[in-house]
């Protein structure tokens, strides 16, 4: 994954948020990390990020991981 560095950046941001009591932001960054992982995996499978099939991350407020509509 040539763009996997983004996962490290998101993890650092999430750690900062958690250490500074930003629980809502930390939770959203958890969702964001899942979505980034799905997008990177899809990119590695040769699919375009914008292939018309929306991917929705799992989170405390969202639905199933990678659920396609």
Protein backbone atom coordinates (compact mmCIF):
# COMPACT_ATOMS: atom_id res chain seq x y z
CA UNK A 1 0.00 0.00 0.00
CA UNK A 2 1.82 3.04 -1.22
CA UNK A 3 -0.53 5.41 0.64
CA UNK A 4 -0.60 3.52 3.95
CA UNK A 5 1.17 6.47 5.60
CA UNK A 6 -2.25 8.10 5.99
CA UNK A 7 -3.19 5.41 8.52
CA UNK A 8 -0.22 6.44 10.68
CA UNK A 9 -1.24 10.09 10.48
CA UNK A 10 -4.82 9.27 11.48
CA UNK A 11 -3.56 7.10 14.37
CA UNK A 12 -1.40 9.99 15.61
CA UNK A 13 -4.33 12.39 15.40
CA UNK A 14 -6.53 9.94 17.27
CA UNK A 15 -3.89 9.48 20.01
CA UNK A 16 -3.64 13.26 20.39
CA UNK A 17 -7.41 13.59 20.63
CA UNK A 18 -7.64 10.81 23.20
CA UNK A 19 -4.80 12.25 25.32
CA UNK A 20 -6.46 15.66 25.32
CA UNK A 21 -9.95 14.55 26.28
CA UNK A 22 -11.44 14.97 22.83
CA UNK A 23 -13.51 11.81 22.97
CA UNK A 24 -15.95 12.68 20.18
CA UNK A 25 -13.10 13.52 17.83
CA UNK A 26 -11.29 10.33 18.82
CA UNK A 27 -14.41 8.30 18.04
CA UNK A 28 -14.83 9.95 14.65
CA UNK A 29 -11.18 9.36 13.84
CA UNK A 30 -11.75 5.68 14.60
CA UNK A 31 -14.44 5.68 11.89
CA UNK A 32 -12.13 7.62 9.59
CA UNK A 33 -9.34 5.08 10.05
CA UNK A 34 -11.73 2.27 9.11
CA UNK A 35 -12.87 4.13 6.02
CA UNK A 36 -9.28 4.87 5.00
CA UNK A 37 -8.40 1.19 5.40
CA UNK A 38 -11.34 0.21 3.17
CA UNK A 39 -10.43 2.79 0.55
CA UNK A 40 -6.78 1.69 0.49
CA UNK A 41 -7.77 -1.97 0.21
CA UNK A 42 -10.14 -1.14 -2.63
CA UNK A 43 -7.39 0.84 -4.35
CA UNK A 44 -5.05 -2.15 -4.05
CA UNK A 45 -7.66 -4.36 -5.71
CA UNK A 46 -7.49 -2.13 -8.78
CA UNK A 47 -10.80 -0.41 -8.14
CA UNK A 48 -11.10 3.32 -8.35
CA UNK A 49 -11.92 5.15 -5.14
CA UNK A 50 -14.90 6.74 -6.87
CA UNK A 51 -16.42 3.75 -8.63
CA UNK A 52 -19.96 4.77 -7.77
CA UNK A 53 -20.33 2.30 -4.91
CA UNK A 54 -20.37 4.25 -1.65
CA UNK A 55 -18.66 2.59 1.30
CA UNK A 56 -19.86 3.48 4.76
CA UNK A 57 -17.57 2.91 7.74
CA UNK A 58 -18.71 1.33 10.94
CA UNK A 59 -18.84 3.48 13.95
CA UNK A 60 -20.85 4.13 16.97
CA UNK A 61 -23.31 6.09 14.82
CA UNK A 62 -22.94 4.51 11.38
CA UNK A 63 -23.92 1.11 9.97
CA UNK A 64 -22.07 -2.05 8.98
CA UNK A 65 -18.39 -1.99 7.96
CA UNK A 66 -18.08 -1.58 4.24
CA UNK A 67 -21.81 -1.87 3.70
CA UNK A 68 -22.65 -1.02 0.12
CA UNK A 69 -25.93 0.61 -0.70
